[in-house]
Amino acid sequence: MGARPLAALVLSVGLATAGCASLEINSWDSGQTKFAKVLGRTVLGVATIGFSELGYAGKRAAAKRRATLNSWIGHGTNELIGSWGPPTSTTRGSGGVSFYTWTRSWQTTTQGKVKTTCKTDIYGTQANTKCTSTVPTAKTRSHSRSTTFTIDSSGRITGWSTR
């Protein structure tokens, strides 16, 4: 093994043992560091049967959401309402500040696996098989997400929060 691949392997093992956050690939990383991080993520992904990548997907989605919300700062209230529709609620604060909130609610339903049990009785040369299946109860969860924009007295967006 040459010096560069060996250095990349050593770096990737070091990054993998430092934790998942150290393996995030950034635009400012050198080519060797990017290669090492990909290698480290691959090793970590195999070792964790892919579960380590779930955290990356969540982080990427959260970063994209933050970037989208940040892009509204400095825009006017009418633009926001034109894009998002009417807010779920509005609140007036002190000094002419307003808070516009959009709330989205949804439900998810998960169904467990059907369990089938079979029993076979043999009587001489004849077999009798009887199967029973159990269907688990579906589980429904309710979710909601609220996004609140802070609007200054001139109608410009100055910040946001989510919960």
N, C-alpha and C. Protein backbone atom coordinates (compact mmCIF):
# COMPACT_ATOMS: atom_id res chain seq x y z
N MET A 1 0.85 -1.18 0.00
CA MET A 1 0.00 0.00 0.00
C MET A 1 0.89 1.23 0.00
N GLY A 2 0.58 2.20 -0.87
CA GLY A 2 1.37 3.41 -0.96
C GLY A 2 1.15 4.33 0.24
N ALA A 3 1.92 5.40 0.27
CA ALA A 3 1.87 6.33 1.41
C ALA A 3 0.54 7.07 1.47
N ARG A 4 0.00 7.51 0.30
CA ARG A 4 -1.26 8.27 0.31
C ARG A 4 -2.44 7.41 0.75
N PRO A 5 -2.65 6.21 0.15
CA PRO A 5 -3.78 5.39 0.62
C PRO A 5 -3.64 5.01 2.09
N LEU A 6 -2.42 4.75 2.54
CA LEU A 6 -2.21 4.40 3.95
C LEU A 6 -2.55 5.59 4.84
N ALA A 7 -2.13 6.79 4.43
CA ALA A 7 -2.46 7.99 5.21
C ALA A 7 -3.97 8.21 5.25
N ALA A 8 -4.63 7.99 4.12
CA ALA A 8 -6.09 8.15 4.07
C ALA A 8 -6.78 7.13 4.97
N LEU A 9 -6.27 5.90 4.97
CA LEU A 9 -6.84 4.86 5.82
C LEU A 9 -6.67 5.21 7.29
N VAL A 10 -5.48 5.66 7.67
CA VAL A 10 -5.22 6.04 9.06
C VAL A 10 -6.12 7.21 9.45
N LEU A 11 -6.26 8.21 8.56
CA LEU A 11 -7.12 9.36 8.84
C LEU A 11 -8.58 8.94 8.95
N SER A 12 -9.03 8.04 8.07
CA SER A 12 -10.43 7.62 8.10
C SER A 12 -10.75 6.83 9.36
N VAL A 13 -9.83 5.98 9.80
CA VAL A 13 -10.04 5.23 11.05
C VAL A 13 -10.06 6.21 12.22
N GLY A 14 -9.17 7.19 12.21
CA GLY A 14 -9.15 8.20 13.26
C GLY A 14 -10.44 9.00 13.29
N LEU A 15 -10.95 9.39 12.12
CA LEU A 15 -12.19 10.14 12.05
C LEU A 15 -13.37 9.29 12.51
N ALA A 16 -13.38 8.02 12.11
CA ALA A 16 -14.48 7.13 12.50
C ALA A 16 -14.52 6.95 14.01
N THR A 17 -13.35 6.84 14.63
CA THR A 17 -13.34 6.66 16.08
C THR A 17 -13.63 7.97 16.81
N ALA A 18 -13.47 9.12 16.13
CA ALA A 18 -13.77 10.41 16.74
C ALA A 18 -15.27 10.68 16.79
N GLY A 19 -16.03 9.93 16.02
CA GLY A 19 -17.49 10.08 16.03
C GLY A 19 -18.03 10.53 14.70
N CYS A 20 -19.34 10.36 14.55
CA CYS A 20 -20.02 10.64 13.29
C CYS A 20 -19.88 12.10 12.84
N ALA A 21 -19.93 13.03 13.78
CA ALA A 21 -19.88 14.45 13.41
C ALA A 21 -18.59 14.80 12.68
N SER A 22 -17.51 14.11 13.01
CA SER A 22 -16.23 14.41 12.37
C SER A 22 -16.18 13.92 10.93
N LEU A 23 -17.17 13.12 10.51
CA LEU A 23 -17.18 12.57 9.15
C LEU A 23 -18.05 13.37 8.19
N GLU A 24 -18.58 14.48 8.62
CA GLU A 24 -19.37 15.31 7.72
C GLU A 24 -18.44 15.91 6.68
N ILE A 25 -18.79 15.73 5.41
CA ILE A 25 -17.96 16.21 4.32
C ILE A 25 -18.30 17.67 4.06
N ASN A 26 -17.28 18.52 4.13
CA ASN A 26 -17.47 19.96 3.95
C ASN A 26 -16.80 20.42 2.66
N SER A 27 -17.29 21.51 2.10
CA SER A 27 -16.75 22.02 0.84
C SER A 27 -15.29 22.44 0.98
N TRP A 28 -14.85 22.81 2.19
CA TRP A 28 -13.48 23.27 2.39
C TRP A 28 -12.50 22.13 2.67
N ASP A 29 -12.98 20.89 2.78
CA ASP A 29 -12.08 19.76 3.01
C ASP A 29 -11.19 19.53 1.80
N SER A 30 -9.95 19.14 2.06
CA SER A 30 -9.04 18.80 0.96
C SER A 30 -9.51 17.50 0.32
N GLY A 31 -9.01 17.22 -0.86
CA GLY A 31 -9.37 15.98 -1.56
C GLY A 31 -9.04 14.75 -0.73
N GLN A 32 -7.89 14.75 -0.08
CA GLN A 32 -7.49 13.61 0.74
C GLN A 32 -8.41 13.47 1.96
N THR A 33 -8.80 14.58 2.56
CA THR A 33 -9.70 14.53 3.71
C THR A 33 -11.08 14.03 3.29
N LYS A 34 -11.58 14.50 2.14
CA LYS A 34 -12.87 14.02 1.64
C LYS A 34 -12.83 12.52 1.41
N PHE A 35 -11.75 12.04 0.77
CA PHE A 35 -11.58 10.61 0.52
C PHE A 35 -11.57 9.84 1.83
N ALA A 36 -10.82 10.35 2.81
CA ALA A 36 -10.72 9.70 4.11
C ALA A 36 -12.08 9.66 4.80
N LYS A 37 -12.84 10.75 4.70
CA LYS A 37 -14.15 10.78 5.34
C LYS A 37 -15.11 9.79 4.67
N VAL A 38 -15.07 9.71 3.34
CA VAL A 38 -15.92 8.73 2.64
C VAL A 38 -15.54 7.33 3.07
N LEU A 39 -14.25 7.05 3.13
CA LEU A 39 -13.78 5.74 3.56
C LEU A 39 -14.20 5.47 5.00
N GLY A 40 -14.04 6.46 5.87
CA GLY A 40 -14.45 6.30 7.27
C GLY A 40 -15.94 6.08 7.42
N ARG A 41 -16.73 6.80 6.64
CA ARG A 41 -18.19 6.62 6.68
C ARG A 41 -18.58 5.25 6.18
N THR A 42 -17.86 4.77 5.16
CA THR A 42 -18.14 3.43 4.64
C THR A 42 -17.85 2.38 5.70
N VAL A 43 -16.69 2.50 6.34
CA VAL A 43 -16.32 1.55 7.39
C VAL A 43 -17.35 1.63 8.53
N LEU A 44 -17.69 2.83 8.94
CA LEU A 44 -18.64 3.01 10.03
C LEU A 44 -20.02 2.51 9.62
N GLY A 45 -20.41 2.76 8.38
CA GLY A 45 -21.70 2.28 7.88
C GLY A 45 -21.80 0.77 7.88
N VAL A 46 -20.73 0.10 7.46
CA VAL A 46 -20.71 -1.37 7.47
C VAL A 46 -20.74 -1.87 8.90
N ALA A 47 -19.95 -1.25 9.77
CA ALA A 47 -19.88 -1.70 11.17
C ALA A 47 -21.20 -1.51 11.90
N THR A 48 -21.98 -0.51 11.53
CA THR A 48 -23.25 -0.25 12.21
C THR A 48 -24.45 -0.68 11.37
N ILE A 49 -24.20 -1.46 10.36
CA ILE A 49 -25.23 -1.98 9.46
C ILE A 49 -26.07 -0.84 8.87
N GLY A 50 -25.46 0.27 8.59
CA GLY A 50 -26.12 1.40 7.93
C GLY A 50 -26.80 2.38 8.86
N PHE A 51 -26.93 2.05 10.14
CA PHE A 51 -27.64 2.95 11.05
C PHE A 51 -26.91 4.28 11.23
N SER A 52 -25.60 4.30 11.06
CA SER A 52 -24.86 5.56 11.24
C SER A 52 -25.26 6.59 10.19
N GLU A 53 -25.68 6.15 9.00
CA GLU A 53 -26.06 7.08 7.94
C GLU A 53 -27.39 7.76 8.22
N LEU A 54 -28.23 7.17 9.07
CA LEU A 54 -29.52 7.79 9.38
C LEU A 54 -29.32 9.15 10.03
N GLY A 55 -28.32 9.26 10.89
CA GLY A 55 -28.03 10.54 11.54
C GLY A 55 -27.61 11.59 10.54
N TYR A 56 -26.83 11.18 9.53
CA TYR A 56 -26.40 12.13 8.50
C TYR A 56 -27.60 12.66 7.73
N ALA A 57 -28.54 11.78 7.40
CA ALA A 57 -29.72 12.20 6.64
C ALA A 57 -30.52 13.23 7.43
N GLY A 58 -30.67 12.98 8.73
CA GLY A 58 -31.39 13.93 9.58
C GLY A 58 -30.68 15.27 9.67
N LYS A 59 -29.35 15.24 9.78
CA LYS A 59 -28.59 16.48 9.86
C LYS A 59 -28.68 17.27 8.56
N ARG A 60 -28.61 16.55 7.43
CA ARG A 60 -28.72 17.23 6.14
C ARG A 60 -30.10 17.87 5.97
N ALA A 61 -31.15 17.16 6.38
CA ALA A 61 -32.51 17.71 6.27
C ALA A 61 -32.66 18.94 7.16
N ALA A 62 -32.12 18.86 8.38
CA ALA A 62 -32.21 20.00 9.30
C ALA A 62 -31.43 21.20 8.76
N ALA A 63 -30.26 20.95 8.19
CA ALA A 63 -29.45 22.04 7.63
C ALA A 63 -30.17 22.69 6.45
N LYS A 64 -30.82 21.88 5.63
CA LYS A 64 -31.56 22.42 4.48
C LYS A 64 -32.75 23.26 4.98
N ARG A 65 -33.43 22.79 6.02
CA ARG A 65 -34.56 23.55 6.58
C ARG A 65 -34.08 24.88 7.16
N ARG A 66 -32.96 24.85 7.90
CA ARG A 66 -32.41 26.10 8.46
C ARG A 66 -32.06 27.09 7.35
N ALA A 67 -31.43 26.58 6.29
CA ALA A 67 -31.05 27.45 5.17
C ALA A 67 -32.29 28.08 4.52
N THR A 68 -33.34 27.28 4.36
CA THR A 68 -34.58 27.78 3.77
C THR A 68 -35.19 28.87 4.65
N LEU A 69 -35.25 28.62 5.96
CA LEU A 69 -35.83 29.61 6.88
C LEU A 69 -34.96 30.86 6.95
N ASN A 70 -33.65 30.69 6.97
CA ASN A 70 -32.74 31.85 6.99
C ASN A 70 -32.90 32.71 5.74
N SER A 71 -33.25 32.08 4.63
CA SER A 71 -33.38 32.85 3.37
C SER A 71 -34.54 33.84 3.43
N TRP A 72 -35.46 33.68 4.38
CA TRP A 72 -36.59 34.60 4.52
C TRP A 72 -36.23 35.85 5.29
N ILE A 73 -35.14 35.85 6.04
CA ILE A 73 -34.77 37.02 6.83
C ILE A 73 -34.51 38.21 5.91
N GLY A 74 -35.15 39.34 6.24
CA GLY A 74 -35.03 40.55 5.42
C GLY A 74 -36.16 40.71 4.43
N HIS A 75 -36.93 39.66 4.17
CA HIS A 75 -38.06 39.75 3.25
C HIS A 75 -39.27 40.32 3.98
N GLY A 76 -40.25 40.73 3.21
CA GLY A 76 -41.47 41.31 3.76
C GLY A 76 -42.51 40.26 4.12
N THR A 77 -43.41 40.67 5.00
CA THR A 77 -44.48 39.78 5.45
C THR A 77 -45.36 39.34 4.29
N ASN A 78 -45.68 40.24 3.37
CA ASN A 78 -46.56 39.89 2.24
C ASN A 78 -45.93 38.80 1.36
N GLU A 79 -44.62 38.87 1.17
CA GLU A 79 -43.95 37.82 0.39
C GLU A 79 -44.10 36.47 1.07
N LEU A 80 -43.90 36.46 2.39
CA LEU A 80 -43.98 35.23 3.16
C LEU A 80 -45.38 34.64 3.09
N ILE A 81 -46.39 35.47 3.31
CA ILE A 81 -47.77 34.99 3.25
C ILE A 81 -48.13 34.53 1.84
N GLY A 82 -47.60 35.22 0.84
CA GLY A 82 -47.83 34.81 -0.55
C GLY A 82 -47.26 33.44 -0.84
N SER A 83 -46.17 33.08 -0.17
CA SER A 83 -45.54 31.78 -0.38
C SER A 83 -46.11 30.69 0.53
N TRP A 84 -46.30 31.02 1.80
CA TRP A 84 -46.70 30.04 2.80
C TRP A 84 -48.21 29.97 3.02
N GLY A 85 -48.95 30.96 2.53
CA GLY A 85 -50.37 31.03 2.81
C GLY A 85 -50.59 31.75 4.13
N PRO A 86 -51.86 31.89 4.53
CA PRO A 86 -52.14 32.62 5.77
C PRO A 86 -51.57 31.88 6.99
N PRO A 87 -51.05 32.62 7.96
CA PRO A 87 -50.51 31.96 9.15
C PRO A 87 -51.62 31.33 9.99
N THR A 88 -51.24 30.34 10.77
CA THR A 88 -52.18 29.70 11.70
C THR A 88 -52.55 30.67 12.81
N SER A 89 -51.58 31.48 13.24
CA SER A 89 -51.85 32.47 14.29
C SER A 89 -50.87 33.62 14.16
N THR A 90 -51.28 34.77 14.68
CA THR A 90 -50.40 35.94 14.76
C THR A 90 -50.50 36.50 16.18
N THR A 91 -49.37 37.01 16.66
CA THR A 91 -49.32 37.59 18.00
C THR A 91 -48.55 38.90 17.92
N ARG A 92 -49.03 39.91 18.64
CA ARG A 92 -48.33 41.19 18.70
C ARG A 92 -47.46 41.21 19.95
N GLY A 93 -46.21 41.64 19.77
CA GLY A 93 -45.30 41.81 20.89
C GLY A 93 -45.11 43.28 21.19
N SER A 94 -44.17 43.57 22.02
CA SER A 94 -43.90 44.98 22.36
C SER A 94 -43.04 45.62 21.28
N GLY A 95 -43.13 46.93 21.17
CA GLY A 95 -42.32 47.67 20.22
C GLY A 95 -42.69 47.45 18.77
N GLY A 96 -43.92 47.01 18.51
CA GLY A 96 -44.36 46.81 17.13
C GLY A 96 -43.92 45.50 16.52
N VAL A 97 -43.31 44.62 17.31
CA VAL A 97 -42.88 43.32 16.81
C VAL A 97 -44.10 42.39 16.74
N SER A 98 -44.16 41.58 15.69
CA SER A 98 -45.24 40.59 15.53
C SER A 98 -44.63 39.22 15.34
N PHE A 99 -45.41 38.22 15.67
CA PHE A 99 -44.99 36.83 15.50
C PHE A 99 -46.05 36.12 14.66
N TYR A 100 -45.63 35.61 13.50
CA TYR A 100 -46.52 34.88 12.61
C TYR A 100 -46.14 33.41 12.70
N THR A 101 -47.13 32.57 13.02
CA THR A 101 -46.87 31.15 13.23
C THR A 101 -47.67 30.30 12.25
N TRP A 102 -46.99 29.33 11.65
CA TRP A 102 -47.60 28.32 10.81
C TRP A 102 -47.42 26.98 11.51
N THR A 103 -48.52 26.25 11.68
CA THR A 103 -48.46 24.95 12.33
C THR A 103 -48.97 23.90 11.35
N ARG A 104 -48.20 22.85 11.21
CA ARG A 104 -48.56 21.72 10.34
C ARG A 104 -48.72 20.50 11.24
N SER A 105 -49.84 19.80 11.12
CA SER A 105 -50.08 18.59 11.90
C SER A 105 -50.32 17.43 10.95
N TRP A 106 -49.85 16.25 11.35
CA TRP A 106 -50.05 15.06 10.54
C TRP A 106 -49.98 13.83 11.44
N GLN A 107 -50.41 12.71 10.88
CA GLN A 107 -50.37 11.45 11.61
C GLN A 107 -49.64 10.40 10.78
N THR A 108 -48.97 9.51 11.48
CA THR A 108 -48.36 8.35 10.83
C THR A 108 -48.92 7.10 11.48
N THR A 109 -49.16 6.10 10.68
CA THR A 109 -49.67 4.83 11.18
C THR A 109 -48.70 3.73 10.77
N THR A 110 -48.31 2.93 11.75
CA THR A 110 -47.44 1.79 11.47
C THR A 110 -48.17 0.51 11.84
N GLN A 111 -48.00 -0.46 11.02
CA GLN A 111 -48.61 -1.78 11.23
C GLN A 111 -47.48 -2.76 11.48
N GLY A 112 -47.57 -3.51 12.55
CA GLY A 112 -46.56 -4.53 12.83
C GLY A 112 -46.67 -5.68 11.85
N LYS A 113 -45.76 -6.61 11.97
CA LYS A 113 -45.76 -7.78 11.08
C LYS A 113 -46.82 -8.78 11.51
N VAL A 114 -47.48 -9.35 10.54
CA VAL A 114 -48.45 -10.41 10.82
C VAL A 114 -47.68 -11.66 11.24
N LYS A 115 -48.08 -12.26 12.35
CA LYS A 115 -47.40 -13.46 12.85
C LYS A 115 -48.27 -14.67 12.52
N THR A 116 -47.68 -15.59 11.79
CA THR A 116 -48.40 -16.81 11.42
C THR A 116 -47.71 -18.00 12.07
N THR A 117 -48.52 -18.83 12.74
CA THR A 117 -48.01 -20.03 13.39
C THR A 117 -48.74 -21.23 12.80
N CYS A 118 -47.99 -22.23 12.39
CA CYS A 118 -48.59 -23.43 11.82
C CYS A 118 -48.23 -24.65 12.65
N LYS A 119 -49.18 -25.58 12.72
CA LYS A 119 -48.96 -26.83 13.44
C LYS A 119 -49.37 -27.95 12.50
N THR A 120 -48.50 -28.92 12.36
CA THR A 120 -48.80 -30.05 11.50
C THR A 120 -48.88 -31.31 12.35
N ASP A 121 -50.02 -32.03 12.23
CA ASP A 121 -50.20 -33.33 12.89
C ASP A 121 -50.13 -34.41 11.83
N ILE A 122 -49.37 -35.42 12.11
CA ILE A 122 -49.22 -36.52 11.16
C ILE A 122 -49.90 -37.75 11.75
N TYR A 123 -50.81 -38.31 10.96
CA TYR A 123 -51.52 -39.53 11.33
C TYR A 123 -51.22 -40.57 10.27
N GLY A 124 -50.26 -41.43 10.56
CA GLY A 124 -49.88 -42.44 9.58
C GLY A 124 -49.30 -41.78 8.35
N THR A 125 -50.00 -41.94 7.21
CA THR A 125 -49.51 -41.35 5.96
C THR A 125 -50.20 -40.03 5.64
N GLN A 126 -51.02 -39.55 6.54
CA GLN A 126 -51.75 -38.32 6.29
C GLN A 126 -51.22 -37.20 7.20
N ALA A 127 -51.17 -35.99 6.65
CA ALA A 127 -50.74 -34.82 7.43
C ALA A 127 -51.86 -33.79 7.42
N ASN A 128 -52.05 -33.20 8.57
CA ASN A 128 -53.07 -32.16 8.70
C ASN A 128 -52.37 -30.92 9.25
N THR A 129 -52.37 -29.85 8.49
CA THR A 129 -51.72 -28.61 8.91
C THR A 129 -52.78 -27.55 9.19
N LYS A 130 -52.64 -26.92 10.34
CA LYS A 130 -53.54 -25.85 10.72
C LYS A 130 -52.69 -24.63 11.05
N CYS A 131 -53.02 -23.49 10.42
CA CYS A 131 -52.27 -22.25 10.65
C CYS A 131 -53.20 -21.19 11.23
N THR A 132 -52.63 -20.39 12.11
CA THR A 132 -53.35 -19.23 12.64
C THR A 132 -52.47 -18.00 12.47
N SER A 133 -53.12 -16.90 12.17
CA SER A 133 -52.38 -15.64 11.99
C SER A 133 -52.89 -14.63 13.00
N THR A 134 -51.96 -13.86 13.52
CA THR A 134 -52.27 -12.79 14.46
C THR A 134 -51.91 -11.47 13.80
N VAL A 135 -52.88 -10.59 13.71
CA VAL A 135 -52.65 -9.27 13.12
C VAL A 135 -52.53 -8.26 14.26
N PRO A 136 -51.36 -7.62 14.40
CA PRO A 136 -51.19 -6.65 15.49
C PRO A 136 -52.02 -5.39 15.25
N THR A 137 -52.32 -4.71 16.32
CA THR A 137 -53.06 -3.46 16.24
C THR A 137 -52.15 -2.37 15.65
N ALA A 138 -52.73 -1.61 14.74
CA ALA A 138 -51.97 -0.51 14.13
C ALA A 138 -51.71 0.56 15.19
N LYS A 139 -50.55 1.20 15.09
CA LYS A 139 -50.19 2.28 16.01
C LYS A 139 -50.18 3.58 15.23
N THR A 140 -50.96 4.53 15.72
CA THR A 140 -51.04 5.84 15.08
C THR A 140 -50.42 6.88 16.01
N ARG A 141 -49.54 7.69 15.45
CA ARG A 141 -48.90 8.77 16.21
C ARG A 141 -49.25 10.09 15.57
N SER A 142 -49.50 11.08 16.41
CA SER A 142 -49.77 12.43 15.93
C SER A 142 -48.49 13.26 16.03
N HIS A 143 -48.26 14.10 15.03
CA HIS A 143 -47.08 14.96 14.98
C HIS A 143 -47.53 16.37 14.65
N SER A 144 -46.73 17.34 15.05
CA SER A 144 -46.97 18.71 14.60
C SER A 144 -45.65 19.47 14.62
N ARG A 145 -45.56 20.44 13.75
CA ARG A 145 -44.38 21.31 13.70
C ARG A 145 -44.87 22.73 13.51
N SER A 146 -44.38 23.61 14.35
CA SER A 146 -44.71 25.03 14.25
C SER A 146 -43.47 25.81 13.87
N THR A 147 -43.66 26.72 12.95
CA THR A 147 -42.60 27.64 12.55
C THR A 147 -43.12 29.05 12.80
N THR A 148 -42.37 29.80 13.58
CA THR A 148 -42.75 31.18 13.91
C THR A 148 -41.71 32.14 13.36
N PHE A 149 -42.18 33.13 12.62
CA PHE A 149 -41.30 34.19 12.11
C PHE A 149 -41.51 35.44 12.95
N THR A 150 -40.42 36.11 13.27
CA THR A 150 -40.46 37.38 13.98
C THR A 150 -40.45 38.50 12.95
N ILE A 151 -41.44 39.41 13.06
CA ILE A 151 -41.59 40.49 12.09
C ILE A 151 -41.40 41.82 12.82
N ASP A 152 -40.52 42.67 12.29
CA ASP A 152 -40.30 43.97 12.95
C ASP A 152 -41.42 44.94 12.60
N SER A 153 -41.36 46.13 13.16
CA SER A 153 -42.43 47.12 12.99
C SER A 153 -42.58 47.59 11.55
N SER A 154 -41.55 47.42 10.72
CA SER A 154 -41.66 47.81 9.31
C SER A 154 -42.17 46.68 8.42
N GLY A 155 -42.47 45.52 9.03
CA GLY A 155 -43.01 44.41 8.25
C GLY A 155 -41.95 43.49 7.67
N ARG A 156 -40.71 43.60 8.13
CA ARG A 156 -39.61 42.77 7.65
C ARG A 156 -39.34 41.62 8.62
N ILE A 157 -38.98 40.47 8.05
CA ILE A 157 -38.68 39.28 8.85
C ILE A 157 -37.29 39.44 9.44
N THR A 158 -37.21 39.27 10.76
CA THR A 158 -35.91 39.42 11.45
C THR A 158 -35.40 38.12 12.07
N GLY A 159 -36.23 37.11 12.13
CA GLY A 159 -35.81 35.84 12.72
C GLY A 159 -36.90 34.79 12.63
N TRP A 160 -36.60 33.61 13.11
CA TRP A 160 -37.55 32.51 13.08
C TRP A 160 -37.24 31.51 14.19
N SER A 161 -38.19 30.67 14.50
CA SER A 161 -37.96 29.57 15.44
C SER A 161 -38.91 28.44 15.05
N THR A 162 -38.55 27.23 15.45
CA THR A 162 -39.42 26.08 15.19
C THR A 162 -39.57 25.28 16.47
N ARG A 163 -40.64 24.55 16.53
CA ARG A 163 -40.83 23.57 17.62
C ARG A 163 -41.74 22.49 17.12
